Amino acid sequence: MHNITDGFDGVTNKKFIRFLQYAKRLCLELQSHLYCYLDQR
């Protein structure tokens, strides 16, 4: 969420899209960590 708010104040749409892509990758990384955690339980 922080990447989205950082990019929202950006000058261009291209920069905002880049921040959205960062946020998406971080969400996928968190999802992966959660799956690993659940598999170990």
Protein backbone atom coordinates (compact mmCIF):
# COMPACT_ATOMS: atom_id res chain seq x y z
CA MET A 1 0.00 0.00 0.00
CA HIS A 2 2.88 2.38 0.73
CA ASN A 3 4.26 1.96 -2.78
CA ILE A 4 0.92 3.01 -4.20
CA THR A 5 0.73 6.15 -2.08
CA ASP A 6 4.35 7.02 -2.92
CA GLY A 7 3.65 6.65 -6.63
CA PHE A 8 0.31 8.45 -6.51
CA ASP A 9 2.11 11.70 -5.92
CA GLY A 10 4.39 11.04 -8.90
CA VAL A 11 4.65 13.38 -11.80
CA THR A 12 3.71 10.98 -14.59
CA ASN A 13 1.36 8.07 -15.15
CA LYS A 14 4.36 5.97 -16.16
CA LYS A 15 5.92 6.48 -12.73
CA PHE A 16 2.62 5.66 -10.99
CA ILE A 17 2.29 2.47 -13.03
CA ARG A 18 5.82 1.47 -11.97
CA PHE A 19 4.84 1.89 -8.30
CA LEU A 20 1.71 -0.21 -8.89
CA GLN A 21 3.90 -2.94 -10.35
CA TYR A 22 6.16 -2.80 -7.27
CA ALA A 23 3.12 -3.09 -5.01
CA LYS A 24 1.82 -6.07 -6.99
CA ARG A 25 5.16 -7.88 -6.73
CA LEU A 26 5.30 -7.26 -2.99
CA CYS A 27 1.78 -8.68 -2.59
CA LEU A 28 2.77 -11.78 -4.52
CA GLU A 29 5.86 -12.15 -2.36
CA LEU A 30 3.74 -11.93 0.79
CA GLN A 31 1.35 -14.49 -0.64
CA SER A 32 4.26 -16.84 -1.24
CA HIS A 33 5.49 -16.43 2.34
CA LEU A 34 2.00 -17.14 3.68
CA TYR A 35 1.76 -20.33 1.63
CA CYS A 36 5.13 -21.48 2.96
CA TYR A 37 4.01 -20.74 6.51
CA LEU A 38 0.76 -22.65 6.07
CA ASP A 39 2.59 -25.63 4.53
CA GLN A 40 4.81 -25.88 7.60
CA ARG A 41 1.89 -26.05 10.02
